[in-house]
C-alpha atoms as a PDB file:
ATOM      1  CA  MET A   1      -6.240 -13.224  27.277  1.00  0.00           C
ATOM      2  CA  ALA A   2      -5.557 -12.984  23.532  1.00  0.00           C
ATOM      3  CA  LYS A   3      -6.638 -10.196  21.235  1.00  0.00           C
ATOM      4  CA  GLU A   4      -9.438 -10.720  18.792  1.00  0.00           C
ATOM      5  CA  GLU A   5      -8.418 -12.243  15.502  1.00  0.00           C
ATOM      6  CA  LEU A   6      -8.367  -9.735  12.651  1.00  0.00           C
ATOM      7  CA  LEU A   7      -9.593 -10.635   9.197  1.00  0.00           C
ATOM      8  CA  GLU A   8      -7.130 -10.042   6.345  1.00  0.00           C
ATOM      9  CA  PHE A   9      -8.305  -9.216   2.840  1.00  0.00           C
ATOM     10  CA  GLU A  10      -6.613  -8.133  -0.362  1.00  0.00           C
ATOM     11  CA  GLY A  11      -7.930  -5.285  -2.433  1.00  0.00           C
ATOM     12  CA  VAL A  12      -7.190  -2.349  -4.700  1.00  0.00           C
ATOM     13  CA  VAL A  13      -7.100   1.304  -3.642  1.00  0.00           C
ATOM     14  CA  THR A  14      -9.782   3.099  -5.657  1.00  0.00           C
ATOM     15  CA  GLU A  15      -9.704   6.572  -4.099  1.00  0.00           C
ATOM     16  CA  ILE A  16      -7.462   8.614  -1.826  1.00  0.00           C
ATOM     17  CA  LEU A  17      -9.400  10.477   0.869  1.00  0.00           C
ATOM     18  CA  PRO A  18      -8.315  13.235   3.289  1.00  0.00           C
ATOM     19  CA  GLU A  19      -6.539  12.472   6.581  1.00  0.00           C
ATOM     20  CA  ALA A  20      -4.529   9.489   5.254  1.00  0.00           C
ATOM     21  CA  ARG A  21      -7.601   7.397   4.489  1.00  0.00           C
ATOM     22  CA  TYR A  22      -8.335   5.334   1.397  1.00  0.00           C
ATOM     23  CA  ARG A  23     -11.344   3.743  -0.255  1.00  0.00           C
ATOM     24  CA  VAL A  24     -10.446   0.135  -0.996  1.00  0.00           C
ATOM     25  CA  ARG A  25     -12.364  -2.347  -3.154  1.00  0.00           C
ATOM     26  CA  LEU A  26     -11.765  -5.841  -1.797  1.00  0.00           C
ATOM     27  CA  THR A  27     -11.460  -8.955  -3.946  1.00  0.00           C
ATOM     28  CA  ASN A  28     -14.997  -9.950  -2.889  1.00  0.00           C
ATOM     29  CA  ASP A  29     -16.345  -6.620  -4.350  1.00  0.00           C
ATOM     30  CA  HIS A  30     -17.000  -4.917  -0.992  1.00  0.00           C
ATOM     31  CA  GLU A  31     -15.790  -1.345  -0.489  1.00  0.00           C
ATOM     32  CA  ILE A  32     -14.317  -0.229   2.827  1.00  0.00           C
ATOM     33  CA  ILE A  33     -12.592   2.841   4.238  1.00  0.00           C
ATOM     34  CA  ALA A  34      -9.044   2.099   5.412  1.00  0.00           C
ATOM     35  CA  TYR A  35      -6.337   4.110   7.134  1.00  0.00           C
ATOM     36  CA  THR A  36      -2.583   3.697   6.927  1.00  0.00           C
ATOM     37  CA  ALA A  37      -0.954   1.545   9.614  1.00  0.00           C
ATOM     38  CA  GLY A  38       1.679   3.191  11.806  1.00  0.00           C
ATOM     39  CA  ARG A  39       4.485   1.017  10.475  1.00  0.00           C
ATOM     40  CA  MET A  40       3.712   2.146   6.924  1.00  0.00           C
ATOM     41  CA  LYS A  41       3.767   5.787   8.057  1.00  0.00           C
ATOM     42  CA  LYS A  42       7.032   5.260   9.929  1.00  0.00           C
ATOM     43  CA  ASN A  43       8.736   3.751   6.885  1.00  0.00           C
ATOM     44  CA  ARG A  44       7.186   6.380   4.571  1.00  0.00           C
ATOM     45  CA  ILE A  45       5.485   3.859   2.305  1.00  0.00           C
ATOM     46  CA  ARG A  46       3.367   5.787  -0.170  1.00  0.00           C
ATOM     47  CA  THR A  47       0.085   4.366  -1.423  1.00  0.00           C
ATOM     48  CA  LEU A  48      -1.531   5.552  -4.648  1.00  0.00           C
ATOM     49  CA  ALA A  49      -4.825   4.822  -6.372  1.00  0.00           C
ATOM     50  CA  GLY A  50      -4.572   1.493  -8.192  1.00  0.00           C
ATOM     51  CA  ASP A  51      -2.136  -0.105  -5.725  1.00  0.00           C
ATOM     52  CA  ARG A  52      -2.796  -3.643  -4.531  1.00  0.00           C
ATOM     53  CA  VAL A  53      -2.915  -3.746  -0.709  1.00  0.00           C
ATOM     54  CA  THR A  54      -3.588  -6.052   2.222  1.00  0.00           C
ATOM     55  CA  VAL A  55      -6.175  -4.780   4.703  1.00  0.00           C
ATOM     56  CA  GLU A  56      -6.864  -5.903   8.283  1.00  0.00           C
ATOM     57  CA  VAL A  57     -10.517  -5.668   9.284  1.00  0.00           C
ATOM     58  CA  SER A  58     -12.013  -6.095  12.750  1.00  0.00           C
ATOM     59  CA  PRO A  59     -14.848  -8.642  12.942  1.00  0.00           C
ATOM     60  CA  TYR A  60     -16.915  -6.027  14.823  1.00  0.00           C
ATOM     61  CA  ASP A  61     -16.919  -3.373  12.077  1.00  0.00           C
ATOM     62  CA  LEU A  62     -16.600  -4.742   8.559  1.00  0.00           C
ATOM     63  CA  HIS A  63     -16.744  -1.289   6.915  1.00  0.00           C
ATOM     64  CA  LYS A  64     -13.437   0.052   8.273  1.00  0.00           C
ATOM     65  CA  GLY A  65      -9.934  -1.366   8.086  1.00  0.00           C
ATOM     66  CA  ARG A  66      -6.201  -0.721   8.307  1.00  0.00           C
ATOM     67  CA  LEU A  67      -3.730  -0.882   5.397  1.00  0.00           C
ATOM     68  CA  VAL A  68      -0.886  -3.114   6.543  1.00  0.00           C
ATOM     69  CA  PHE A  69       0.944  -3.970   3.305  1.00  0.00           C
ATOM     70  CA  ARG A  70       1.346  -2.540  -0.191  1.00  0.00           C
ATOM     71  CA  HIS A  71       2.142  -5.229  -2.754  1.00  0.00           C
ATOM     72  CA  LYS A  72       4.941  -4.631  -5.228  1.00  0.00           C
ATOM     73  CA  ASP A  73       3.672  -5.352  -8.709  1.00  0.00           C
ATOM     74  CA  THR A  74       5.939  -5.690 -11.696  1.00  0.00           C
ATOM     75  CA  PRO A  75       6.073  -2.383 -13.582  1.00  0.00           C
ATOM     76  CA  SER A  76       4.263  -2.337 -16.898  1.00  0.00           C
ATOM     77  CA  GLY A  77       5.669  -0.753 -20.028  1.00  0.00           C
ATOM     78  CA  GLY A  78       8.981  -2.601 -20.133  1.00  0.00           C
ATOM     79  CA  GLU A  79      10.735  -0.760 -17.294  1.00  0.00           C
ATOM     80  CA  GLN A  80      13.141  -3.384 -16.048  1.00  0.00           C
ATOM     81  CA  GLY A  81      16.440  -2.886 -14.345  1.00  0.00           C
ATOM     82  CA  GLY A  82      17.068   0.805 -14.783  1.00  0.00           C
ATOM     83  CA  SER A  83      18.770   3.117 -12.383  1.00  0.00           C
ATOM     84  CA  PRO A  84      17.500   3.459  -8.813  1.00  0.00           C
ATOM     85  CA  ARG A  85      16.579   7.139  -9.272  1.00  0.00           C
ATOM     86  CA  GLY A  86      14.276   6.784 -12.254  1.00  0.00           C
ATOM     87  CA  GLY A  87      16.422   7.859 -15.188  1.00  0.00           C
ATOM     88  CA  GLN A  88      19.230   9.739 -13.493  1.00  0.00           C
ATOM     89  CA  GLN A  89      22.657   8.294 -14.132  1.00  0.00           C
ATOM     90  CA  ARG A  90      25.384   8.182 -11.483  1.00  0.00           C
ATOM     91  CA  ARG A  91      28.587   9.959 -12.308  1.00  0.00           C
ATOM     92  CA  PRO A  92      31.758   7.959 -11.803  1.00  0.00           C
ATOM     93  CA  GLN A  93      33.738   8.953  -8.734  1.00  0.00           C
ATOM     94  CA  ARG A  94      36.933  10.881  -9.308  1.00  0.00           C
ATOM     95  CA  ARG A  95      40.065   9.326  -7.905  1.00  0.00           C
ATOM     96  CA  PHE A  96      42.888  11.547  -6.704  1.00  0.00           C
END
């Protein structure tokens, strides 16, 4: 027997709550409480207020959900390329 189908919505994190929970405003203007999925915790994916996310919601309780994906948006302010550590330059290796 198959599991119940989960509903997927996109939204924006509006507030960070205690115990790894977030308040998310969905694209249809509903607000839900969501927690971080285990795979996001395992891979240490950080979520901040203002991030665009995908949320899975059970059809039985439409007020709670699970964050399953954080979308990568293009950085604003002209930060393109750059070094991987945010401004720190790598020193050239010394050859002996």
